Amino acid sequence: MWFGHLLPFCCCFWLVESSSEGQRRKDQLQEYHQSSRFQRYGRPVEETKKQGRFHNQETCSPEAALRLEELLGEPEKLGMFGATLLTDTLLYPGLNAEGRPSIPVGVDVQVESLDSISEVDMDFTMTLYLRHYWKDERLAFPSTNNLSMTFDGRLVKKIWVPDMFFVHSKRSFIHDTTTDNIMLRVYPDGKVLYSLRVTVTSMCYMDFSRFPLDTQSCSLEIESYAYTDDDLMLYWKSGNDSLTTDEKISLSQFMIQEFRTTTKLAFYSSTGWYNRLYINFTLHRHIFFFLLQTYFPATLMVMLSWVSFWIDRRAVPARVPLGITTVLTMSTIITGVNASMPRVSYIKAVDIYLWVSFVFVFLSVLEYAAVNYLTTVQERKERKLREKLPCTCAMPQPRPLMVERTYSDGEVSNLAEFAGPDYMPQNGEKQDRGLVNPPIADEPTENKEKILRGYIWIDTHIIDKYSRLIFPVAYALFNVIYWSIYT
């Protein structure tokens, strides 16, 4: 009996405690939201509502702040709508729209600097301001004066933004000094401006067949990673005017000729078609540096090799080191040029010039080798002739033979024996003509004719004479053809 009387009192006590616990949970949740708003916006909603400021930015209407306060301050009103408010802005804007229309995203770029161009790695580094424009009606808010609200990079993680990336990029980063260089601006009608400062290193396929008289065309490509053209439509906001550059942009080796924008579709077999934006620019290489460092030294080495044509062919210690020095110098120039270039499998314009110059230098060495060899052969024949000719010093001599060639001091004394005591070189110099008196006594006429007919003089000095003319003319002709083709 007594249990039946106590049961109603226990039920009443349990109901009172349950309502008290619910009120305590409600108070805790409301306190949590108040503190969360204070951390996010830097001040309580009440203070924001009084001052008419939201996140220390442009004016926001009190109605918008009051609506946000009501939704976050009364947990029982949140429900599914509150969860959508807090998480739906992270999703693609057209996810729940009928027919899922493509979201247009305009892009414009301001190039701050073109930092470097690397021929070895075939890439370039560029710093730019990348700006996106789109409309997200979920971010619209009422405003009496139609002013926008500006946020930093912390809010970007809370809303949906286009997932842009740079195609063929090797490295890229967003600047973070002194804070992340990201700006988000929201307008009352839901239009959004998203801007960030990026440095990107991207590939540039270069053709060095005309190096260093070449012109290179590079491009920076921007594309959405996840959204195809059915979901997200990328376009240049103002055509070619969407790309602006700093007037102070300059490079040491290149002259920037042109910046332009294009738009194309890129197809991936697994995922479909994507809009791709191109920033195209053309670079023309400055030639003056390579004229001083490569072409001019190579030309001087070729001209220096011609000096040996004016040096006596008997001066072996003078002509041989000169030829070897020019050959080694040309090899050093060729090695230095190729060390700063990628190992391509085709011939470059500078290779043609350097290797032709190297061939001219090498031919000058071969020319002296030929002259020296022919001189040695001729001296051997002279010795054989002396052995066959008897001494006729005491006999009357016929008219001497005039032989075109150059003699050394030793050969002049030998010729004097044949020419007689009255022979003396003019002005004490060696002559290009030597006197040889063939014997007439004690020798049959037929034998004398055979000896003279078998001894044919080879004028090796004339090879140097022709080389003095042929080499410069041929090299000048090569230069005319070379520069007319590549300039």
Protein backbone atom coordinates (compact mmCIF):
# COMPACT_ATOMS: atom_id res chain seq x y z
CA MET A 1 0.00 0.00 0.00
CA TRP A 2 2.69 2.43 0.96
CA PHE A 3 4.48 1.86 -2.37
CA GLY A 4 1.42 2.97 -4.30
CA HIS A 5 1.33 6.23 -2.31
CA LEU A 6 5.06 6.97 -2.96
CA LEU A 7 4.98 6.31 -6.71
CA PRO A 8 3.30 9.62 -7.71
CA PHE A 9 5.80 11.57 -5.61
CA CYS A 10 8.76 9.81 -7.35
CA CYS A 11 7.38 10.58 -10.79
CA CYS A 12 6.93 14.26 -9.95
CA PHE A 13 10.50 14.47 -8.60
CA TRP A 14 11.92 12.83 -11.76
CA LEU A 15 10.06 15.24 -14.02
CA VAL A 16 11.36 18.25 -12.06
CA GLU A 17 14.95 17.01 -12.24
CA SER A 18 14.67 16.30 -15.98
CA SER A 19 13.43 19.80 -16.72
CA SER A 20 16.23 21.29 -14.61
CA GLU A 21 18.86 19.21 -16.47
CA GLY A 22 17.42 20.29 -19.83
CA GLN A 23 17.62 23.93 -18.79
CA ARG A 24 21.24 23.50 -17.70
CA ARG A 25 22.15 21.92 -21.08
CA LYS A 26 20.40 24.76 -22.90
CA ASP A 27 22.34 27.33 -20.92
CA GLN A 28 25.65 25.56 -21.60
CA LEU A 29 24.97 25.36 -25.35
CA GLN A 30 24.03 29.02 -25.48
CA GLU A 31 27.20 29.95 -23.60
CA TYR A 32 29.25 27.86 -26.04
CA HIS A 33 27.79 29.66 -29.04
CA GLN A 34 28.37 33.03 -27.43
CA SER A 35 32.04 32.24 -26.82
CA SER A 36 32.39 30.78 -30.32
CA ARG A 37 31.06 33.97 -31.87
CA PHE A 38 33.40 36.01 -29.76
CA GLN A 39 36.43 34.03 -30.93
CA ARG A 40 35.36 34.10 -34.56
CA TYR A 41 34.41 37.74 -34.93
CA GLY A 42 36.51 39.31 -32.17
CA ARG A 43 33.54 40.70 -30.18
CA PRO A 44 30.12 39.58 -28.88
CA VAL A 45 27.14 39.74 -31.16
CA GLU A 46 25.48 42.28 -28.89
CA GLU A 47 28.44 44.63 -29.30
CA THR A 48 28.52 44.02 -33.03
CA LYS A 49 24.83 44.77 -33.30
CA LYS A 50 25.20 48.02 -31.38
CA GLN A 51 28.12 49.29 -33.46
CA GLY A 52 26.69 48.07 -36.77
CA ARG A 53 30.00 46.33 -37.66
CA PHE A 54 30.65 42.70 -38.60
CA HIS A 55 34.18 41.29 -38.35
CA ASN A 56 35.53 44.82 -38.21
CA GLN A 57 34.59 45.38 -41.86
CA GLU A 58 32.03 47.37 -43.81
CA THR A 59 28.56 48.07 -42.45
CA CYS A 60 26.19 45.11 -42.08
CA SER A 61 22.51 45.56 -41.32
CA PRO A 62 21.34 44.93 -37.73
CA GLU A 63 18.72 42.54 -39.09
CA ALA A 64 21.44 40.20 -40.45
CA ALA A 65 23.34 40.22 -37.18
CA LEU A 66 20.10 39.69 -35.22
CA ARG A 67 19.13 36.76 -37.44
CA LEU A 68 22.54 35.16 -36.91
CA GLU A 69 22.25 35.72 -33.17
CA GLU A 70 18.82 34.12 -33.06
CA LEU A 71 19.92 31.05 -35.01
CA LEU A 72 23.10 30.52 -32.98
CA GLY A 73 21.73 31.64 -29.63
CA GLU A 74 18.63 29.41 -29.55
CA PRO A 75 19.67 25.78 -29.98
CA GLU A 76 16.15 24.47 -30.25
CA LYS A 77 15.75 26.47 -33.48
CA LEU A 78 18.83 25.05 -35.15
CA GLY A 79 17.81 21.53 -36.14
CA MET A 80 18.54 20.56 -39.72
CA PHE A 81 18.37 24.18 -40.88
CA GLY A 82 21.14 25.17 -38.48
CA ALA A 83 23.35 22.30 -39.63
CA THR A 84 22.81 23.38 -43.23
CA LEU A 85 23.71 26.97 -42.36
CA LEU A 86 26.97 25.90 -40.72
CA THR A 87 28.10 23.28 -43.26
CA ASP A 88 26.31 23.89 -46.57
CA THR A 89 28.61 26.79 -47.53
CA LEU A 90 31.45 24.27 -47.83
CA LEU A 91 29.67 22.46 -50.65
CA TYR A 92 29.51 23.20 -54.35
CA PRO A 93 26.97 26.05 -54.88
CA GLY A 94 25.03 24.23 -57.60
CA LEU A 95 24.82 20.90 -55.80
CA ASN A 96 21.16 21.20 -54.84
CA ALA A 97 20.08 23.37 -57.77
CA GLU A 98 17.65 22.04 -60.33
CA GLY A 99 19.49 20.79 -63.41
CA ARG A 100 22.85 21.56 -61.74
CA PRO A 101 23.80 24.57 -63.87
CA SER A 102 27.46 25.30 -64.51
CA ILE A 103 28.83 27.89 -62.07
CA PRO A 104 30.66 30.67 -63.97
CA VAL A 105 33.96 31.66 -62.35
CA GLY A 106 35.77 34.66 -63.80
CA VAL A 107 39.52 34.94 -63.42
CA ASP A 108 41.98 37.77 -63.78
CA VAL A 109 45.72 37.81 -63.12
CA GLN A 110 48.24 40.49 -62.31
CA VAL A 111 51.82 39.37 -62.94
CA GLU A 112 54.06 40.86 -60.29
CA SER A 113 57.39 39.46 -61.48
CA LEU A 114 58.94 36.93 -63.81
CA ASP A 115 61.71 35.77 -61.55
CA SER A 116 63.83 33.39 -63.60
CA ILE A 117 64.08 31.32 -66.77
CA SER A 118 66.11 28.11 -66.60
CA GLU A 119 67.30 26.53 -69.85
CA VAL A 120 68.78 23.52 -68.06
CA ASP A 121 65.55 22.63 -66.20
CA MET A 122 63.28 24.05 -68.92
CA ASP A 123 61.07 25.97 -66.51
CA PHE A 124 60.21 29.48 -65.36
CA THR A 125 59.24 31.04 -62.04
CA MET A 126 56.48 33.64 -61.82
CA THR A 127 54.89 35.57 -58.96
CA LEU A 128 51.31 36.71 -59.56
CA TYR A 129 48.04 37.82 -58.00
CA LEU A 130 45.32 35.30 -58.87
CA ARG A 131 41.75 36.57 -58.47
CA HIS A 132 38.49 34.60 -58.78
CA TYR A 133 34.97 36.01 -59.21
CA TRP A 134 31.77 34.04 -58.73
CA LYS A 135 28.35 34.31 -57.10
CA ASP A 136 27.17 32.26 -54.13
CA GLU A 137 23.67 33.22 -53.05
CA ARG A 138 24.12 31.41 -49.75
CA LEU A 139 26.56 34.17 -48.71
CA ALA A 140 24.14 37.00 -49.58
CA PHE A 141 23.20 39.33 -46.74
CA PRO A 142 20.97 42.40 -46.43
CA SER A 143 22.77 45.73 -46.39
CA THR A 144 21.42 49.25 -46.27
CA ASN A 145 24.37 50.86 -48.08
CA ASN A 146 25.36 47.96 -50.39
CA LEU A 147 28.88 47.73 -49.04
CA SER A 148 30.94 44.55 -49.05
CA MET A 149 32.55 42.60 -46.24
CA THR A 150 36.23 41.66 -46.45
CA PHE A 151 37.83 38.71 -44.68
CA ASP A 152 41.26 37.17 -44.46
CA GLY A 153 42.34 33.62 -45.17
CA ARG A 154 40.77 32.12 -42.02
CA LEU A 155 37.28 32.29 -43.47
CA VAL A 156 38.31 30.64 -46.76
CA LYS A 157 38.31 27.25 -45.00
CA LYS A 158 34.68 27.79 -43.96
CA ILE A 159 33.18 28.35 -47.41
CA TRP A 160 33.37 26.85 -50.89
CA VAL A 161 36.05 28.28 -53.19
CA PRO A 162 37.13 27.14 -56.70
CA ASP A 163 39.74 24.37 -56.60
CA MET A 164 42.24 25.87 -59.03
CA PHE A 165 45.65 24.37 -59.74
CA PHE A 166 48.52 25.08 -62.14
CA VAL A 167 48.96 22.47 -64.85
CA HIS A 168 52.57 21.28 -65.38
CA SER A 169 53.72 23.12 -62.27
CA LYS A 170 56.76 21.82 -60.40
CA ARG A 171 56.51 23.95 -57.27
CA SER A 172 54.08 26.56 -56.01
CA PHE A 173 53.24 28.24 -52.72
CA ILE A 174 51.06 31.00 -51.29
CA HIS A 175 53.01 33.76 -49.61
CA ASP A 176 52.55 33.91 -45.84
CA THR A 177 54.53 36.98 -44.74
CA THR A 178 53.44 38.50 -42.45
CA THR A 179 50.23 36.52 -42.73
CA ASP A 180 48.67 34.39 -45.45
CA ASN A 181 48.34 36.59 -48.54
CA ILE A 182 44.68 35.67 -49.08
CA MET A 183 41.72 38.01 -49.32
CA LEU A 184 38.00 37.18 -49.49
CA ARG A 185 35.42 39.87 -50.23
CA VAL A 186 31.68 39.16 -50.12
CA TYR A 187 29.05 41.53 -51.55
CA PRO A 188 25.43 41.80 -50.36
CA ASP A 189 24.08 40.05 -53.47
CA GLY A 190 26.33 37.03 -52.87
CA LYS A 191 29.11 37.92 -55.31
CA VAL A 192 32.52 36.83 -54.09
CA LEU A 193 36.05 38.02 -54.85
CA TYR A 194 38.78 35.59 -53.84
CA SER A 195 42.38 36.80 -54.29
CA LEU A 196 45.71 35.23 -53.40
CA ARG A 197 49.40 35.91 -54.06
CA VAL A 198 51.21 32.90 -55.49
CA THR A 199 54.68 32.03 -56.71
CA VAL A 200 54.73 29.12 -59.16
CA THR A 201 57.48 27.29 -61.02
CA SER A 202 56.10 25.70 -64.17
CA MET A 203 57.46 23.78 -67.13
CA CYS A 204 58.22 25.49 -70.41
CA TYR A 205 59.02 23.36 -73.44
CA MET A 206 61.88 25.17 -75.18
CA ASP A 207 63.35 24.66 -78.65
CA PHE A 208 67.08 25.40 -78.73
CA SER A 209 67.68 24.72 -82.42
CA ARG A 210 68.29 28.47 -82.93
CA PHE A 211 70.03 29.13 -79.60
CA PRO A 212 71.19 31.81 -78.76
CA LEU A 213 69.29 33.54 -81.56
CA ASP A 214 66.04 31.97 -80.41
CA THR A 215 62.60 33.09 -79.31
CA GLN A 216 60.79 31.03 -76.67
CA SER A 217 57.04 30.82 -75.99
CA CYS A 218 55.93 29.73 -72.53
CA SER A 219 52.52 29.45 -70.89
CA LEU A 220 51.08 29.17 -67.40
CA GLU A 221 47.96 27.00 -67.39
CA ILE A 222 45.14 27.26 -64.82
CA GLU A 223 42.47 24.62 -64.42
CA SER A 224 39.91 23.27 -61.97
CA TYR A 225 41.01 20.00 -60.43
CA ALA A 226 37.65 18.38 -59.62
CA TYR A 227 34.90 20.21 -61.52
CA THR A 228 34.38 19.60 -65.22
CA ASP A 229 33.01 22.18 -67.62
CA ASP A 230 29.49 20.91 -66.80
CA ASP A 231 29.94 22.00 -63.18
CA LEU A 232 32.31 24.97 -63.35
CA MET A 233 32.86 27.30 -66.28
CA LEU A 234 36.22 29.07 -66.13
CA TYR A 235 36.67 32.18 -68.24
CA TRP A 236 38.81 35.29 -68.41
CA LYS A 237 36.80 38.02 -66.75
CA SER A 238 37.71 40.75 -69.25
CA GLY A 239 39.40 38.93 -72.13
CA ASN A 240 42.98 40.06 -72.74
CA ASP A 241 42.40 42.91 -70.30
CA SER A 242 42.16 40.29 -67.55
CA LEU A 243 45.96 39.99 -67.65
CA THR A 244 48.01 42.92 -66.38
CA THR A 245 51.75 43.10 -65.83
CA ASP A 246 54.12 45.31 -63.94
CA GLU A 247 55.97 47.70 -66.25
CA LYS A 248 59.22 47.05 -64.36
CA ILE A 249 59.34 43.35 -65.24
CA SER A 250 62.66 42.58 -66.94
CA LEU A 251 65.05 39.67 -67.37
CA SER A 252 68.81 39.66 -67.86
CA GLN A 253 68.85 37.34 -70.88
CA PHE A 254 65.40 37.87 -72.36
CA MET A 255 63.20 40.64 -73.64
CA ILE A 256 59.50 40.07 -72.95
CA GLN A 257 57.71 40.67 -76.23
CA GLU A 258 54.09 39.81 -75.51
CA PHE A 259 51.60 38.69 -72.85
CA ARG A 260 48.23 37.29 -73.96
CA THR A 261 45.42 35.07 -72.71
CA THR A 262 43.64 32.12 -74.30
CA THR A 263 41.02 29.58 -73.23
CA LYS A 264 40.81 25.94 -74.30
CA LEU A 265 39.20 22.68 -73.27
CA ALA A 266 41.35 19.88 -71.86
CA PHE A 267 40.20 16.26 -72.03
CA TYR A 268 41.05 13.50 -69.59
CA SER A 269 39.94 10.01 -70.55
CA SER A 270 38.90 9.11 -67.00
CA THR A 271 37.12 12.27 -65.87
CA GLY A 272 36.03 14.30 -68.91
CA TRP A 273 36.43 17.84 -70.24
CA TYR A 274 37.78 20.77 -68.22
CA ASN A 275 38.11 24.48 -68.91
CA ARG A 276 41.74 25.56 -69.02
CA LEU A 277 43.03 29.13 -68.97
CA TYR A 278 46.39 30.03 -70.53
CA ILE A 279 48.76 32.88 -69.76
CA ASN A 280 51.01 32.98 -72.82
CA PHE A 281 54.14 35.10 -73.07
CA THR A 282 56.94 35.31 -75.65
CA LEU A 283 60.60 35.79 -74.79
CA HIS A 284 63.31 36.96 -77.19
CA ARG A 285 66.88 36.29 -76.06
CA HIS A 286 69.44 39.09 -75.91
CA ILE A 287 72.38 38.21 -78.19
CA PHE A 288 74.95 40.72 -76.94
CA PHE A 289 76.09 38.56 -74.01
CA PHE A 290 76.78 35.59 -76.29
CA LEU A 291 78.55 37.79 -78.81
CA LEU A 292 81.04 38.79 -76.14
CA GLN A 293 81.37 35.41 -74.45
CA THR A 294 81.17 32.97 -77.36
CA TYR A 295 81.16 34.33 -80.91
CA PHE A 296 83.85 36.98 -80.58
CA PRO A 297 86.42 34.71 -78.80
CA ALA A 298 85.78 31.92 -81.32
CA THR A 299 86.37 34.30 -84.23
CA LEU A 300 89.58 35.58 -82.67
CA MET A 301 90.89 32.03 -82.26
CA VAL A 302 90.24 31.30 -85.93
CA MET A 303 92.02 34.48 -86.99
CA LEU A 304 94.90 33.69 -84.64
CA SER A 305 95.37 30.33 -86.33
CA TRP A 306 95.96 32.16 -89.63
CA VAL A 307 99.07 33.82 -88.22
CA SER A 308 100.97 30.58 -88.75
CA PHE A 309 100.66 31.06 -92.52
CA TRP A 310 103.05 34.03 -92.25
CA ILE A 311 105.57 32.20 -90.08
CA ASP A 312 108.46 30.41 -91.80
CA ARG A 313 107.71 26.75 -92.24
CA ARG A 314 111.11 25.86 -90.78
CA ALA A 315 110.07 27.48 -87.46
CA VAL A 316 108.50 24.36 -86.02
CA PRO A 317 108.62 25.56 -82.35
CA ALA A 318 106.58 28.61 -83.37
CA ARG A 319 103.93 27.11 -85.60
CA VAL A 320 103.11 23.90 -83.74
CA PRO A 321 102.36 25.48 -80.30
CA LEU A 322 100.28 28.16 -82.00
CA GLY A 323 98.10 25.57 -83.69
CA ILE A 324 97.72 23.45 -80.55
CA THR A 325 96.84 26.50 -78.42
CA THR A 326 94.05 27.59 -80.74
CA VAL A 327 92.61 24.06 -80.92
CA LEU A 328 92.56 23.70 -77.12
CA THR A 329 91.01 27.14 -76.68
CA MET A 330 88.20 26.29 -79.09
CA SER A 331 87.58 23.05 -77.19
CA THR A 332 87.30 25.02 -73.94
CA ILE A 333 84.77 27.45 -75.46
CA ILE A 334 82.62 24.60 -76.77
CA THR A 335 82.69 22.82 -73.40
CA GLY A 336 81.76 26.01 -71.52
CA VAL A 337 78.75 26.70 -73.72
CA ASN A 338 77.38 23.15 -73.48
CA ALA A 339 77.84 23.05 -69.70
CA SER A 340 75.09 25.63 -69.23
CA MET A 341 72.67 24.01 -71.67
CA PRO A 342 70.42 20.95 -71.47
CA ARG A 343 71.66 17.81 -73.19
CA VAL A 344 69.42 17.97 -76.21
CA SER A 345 69.70 15.50 -79.07
CA TYR A 346 69.74 18.07 -81.88
CA ILE A 347 72.26 20.63 -83.12
CA LYS A 348 71.96 24.20 -81.88
CA ALA A 349 72.88 27.28 -83.86
CA VAL A 350 75.80 28.04 -81.57
CA ASP A 351 77.07 24.49 -82.08
CA ILE A 352 77.22 25.04 -85.83
CA TYR A 353 79.26 28.21 -85.44
CA LEU A 354 81.65 26.80 -82.86
CA TRP A 355 82.26 23.52 -84.65
CA VAL A 356 82.83 25.18 -88.01
CA SER A 357 85.30 27.51 -86.28
CA PHE A 358 86.93 24.50 -84.69
CA VAL A 359 87.27 22.87 -88.13
CA PHE A 360 88.98 26.00 -89.50
CA VAL A 361 91.44 25.99 -86.62
CA PHE A 362 92.09 22.30 -87.04
CA LEU A 363 92.61 22.69 -90.80
CA SER A 364 95.28 25.32 -90.17
CA VAL A 365 97.15 22.74 -88.11
CA LEU A 366 96.73 20.16 -90.85
CA GLU A 367 97.95 22.70 -93.40
CA TYR A 368 101.25 23.05 -91.57
CA ALA A 369 101.51 19.29 -91.19
CA ALA A 370 101.15 18.96 -94.98
CA VAL A 371 103.69 21.71 -95.62
CA ASN A 372 106.17 20.16 -93.21
CA TYR A 373 105.74 16.71 -94.73
CA LEU A 374 106.24 17.94 -98.30
CA THR A 375 109.32 19.88 -97.20
CA THR A 376 110.79 16.74 -95.67
CA VAL A 377 110.13 14.78 -98.85
CA GLN A 378 111.75 17.50 -100.92
CA GLU A 379 114.85 17.57 -98.73
CA ARG A 380 115.18 13.82 -99.11
CA LYS A 381 115.13 14.19 -102.88
CA GLU A 382 117.74 16.92 -102.67
CA ARG A 383 120.10 14.66 -100.77
CA LYS A 384 119.66 11.95 -103.37
CA LEU A 385 120.39 14.47 -106.12
CA ARG A 386 123.59 15.62 -104.43
CA GLU A 387 124.77 12.04 -104.23
CA LYS A 388 124.26 11.60 -107.97
CA LEU A 389 125.90 14.90 -109.00
CA PRO A 390 129.77 14.77 -109.03
CA CYS A 391 131.86 17.74 -107.95
CA THR A 392 132.46 20.10 -110.87
CA CYS A 393 134.11 22.94 -109.02
CA ALA A 394 137.16 23.13 -111.30
CA MET A 395 135.28 22.86 -114.56
CA PRO A 396 133.59 25.56 -116.56
CA GLN A 397 129.89 25.60 -115.70
CA PRO A 398 126.94 26.14 -118.01
CA ARG A 399 124.09 28.46 -117.27
CA PRO A 400 122.68 27.67 -113.81
CA LEU A 401 119.13 26.45 -113.28
CA MET A 402 116.81 28.75 -111.37
CA VAL A 403 114.69 26.81 -108.85
CA GLU A 404 111.75 28.36 -107.06
CA ARG A 405 111.90 27.55 -103.32
CA THR A 406 113.20 28.77 -99.99
CA TYR A 407 116.36 27.47 -98.36
CA SER A 408 117.78 27.34 -94.91
CA ASP A 409 121.22 28.64 -94.01
CA GLY A 410 122.73 25.20 -94.40
CA GLU A 411 121.21 24.76 -97.82
CA VAL A 412 122.55 28.13 -98.97
CA SER A 413 126.10 27.00 -98.24
CA ASN A 414 125.47 23.75 -100.10
CA LEU A 415 124.10 25.62 -103.08
CA ALA A 416 127.16 27.85 -103.06
CA GLU A 417 129.27 24.77 -103.69
CA PHE A 418 127.26 24.05 -106.82
CA ALA A 419 126.99 27.68 -107.91
CA GLY A 420 130.65 28.49 -107.49
CA PRO A 421 132.57 30.98 -105.37
CA ASP A 422 130.99 33.97 -107.10
CA TYR A 423 127.46 33.18 -105.81
CA MET A 424 126.28 35.37 -102.90
CA PRO A 425 122.69 35.90 -101.66
CA GLN A 426 121.37 39.37 -102.22
CA ASN A 427 121.37 41.56 -99.08
CA GLY A 428 122.42 38.55 -97.06
CA GLU A 429 118.90 37.06 -97.27
CA LYS A 430 117.78 33.61 -98.29
CA GLN A 431 116.17 33.66 -101.68
CA ASP A 432 113.15 31.85 -102.98
CA ARG A 433 115.24 30.85 -105.96
CA GLY A 434 118.20 28.48 -105.75
CA LEU A 435 120.99 27.98 -108.28
CA VAL A 436 121.84 24.43 -109.23
CA ASN A 437 124.50 23.68 -111.85
CA PRO A 438 124.07 20.21 -113.30
CA PRO A 439 127.30 18.40 -114.25
CA ILE A 440 128.38 18.24 -117.89
CA ALA A 441 131.64 16.33 -117.77
CA ASP A 442 132.11 12.61 -117.74
CA GLU A 443 128.35 12.11 -118.00
CA PRO A 444 126.41 11.03 -121.07
CA THR A 445 123.74 13.41 -122.23
CA GLU A 446 120.99 10.86 -121.73
CA ASN A 447 121.98 10.30 -118.09
CA LYS A 448 122.03 14.05 -117.41
CA GLU A 449 118.54 14.45 -118.82
CA LYS A 450 117.23 11.54 -116.72
CA ILE A 451 118.69 13.02 -113.53
CA LEU A 452 117.17 16.45 -114.15
CA ARG A 453 113.88 15.01 -115.33
CA GLY A 454 113.58 12.81 -112.21
CA TYR A 455 114.20 15.76 -109.88
CA ILE A 456 111.03 17.90 -109.95
CA TRP A 457 110.98 20.77 -107.49
CA ILE A 458 107.87 21.14 -105.28
CA ASP A 459 107.26 24.71 -104.17
CA THR A 460 105.94 24.16 -100.62
CA HIS A 461 106.03 27.89 -99.97
CA ILE A 462 103.13 28.42 -102.35
CA ILE A 463 100.82 26.37 -100.09
CA ASP A 464 101.14 29.00 -97.36
CA LYS A 465 100.56 31.71 -99.93
CA TYR A 466 97.28 30.19 -101.07
CA SER A 467 96.19 29.49 -97.47
CA ARG A 468 96.58 33.15 -96.58
CA LEU A 469 93.81 33.90 -99.07
CA ILE A 470 91.59 30.81 -99.05
CA PHE A 471 91.07 30.52 -95.27
CA PRO A 472 89.91 34.13 -94.62
CA VAL A 473 87.66 34.18 -97.68
CA ALA A 474 86.02 30.86 -96.78
CA TYR A 475 85.44 31.89 -93.15
CA ALA A 476 83.99 35.24 -94.17
CA LEU A 477 81.63 33.48 -96.56
CA PHE A 478 80.52 31.13 -93.78
CA ASN A 479 79.75 34.09 -91.50
CA VAL A 480 77.66 35.77 -94.18
CA ILE A 481 75.60 32.63 -94.70
CA TYR A 482 75.28 31.91 -90.97
CA TRP A 483 74.07 35.34 -89.88
CA SER A 484 71.73 35.70 -92.86
CA ILE A 485 69.98 32.44 -91.87
CA TYR A 486 69.69 32.92 -88.10
CA THR A 487 68.96 36.65 -87.88
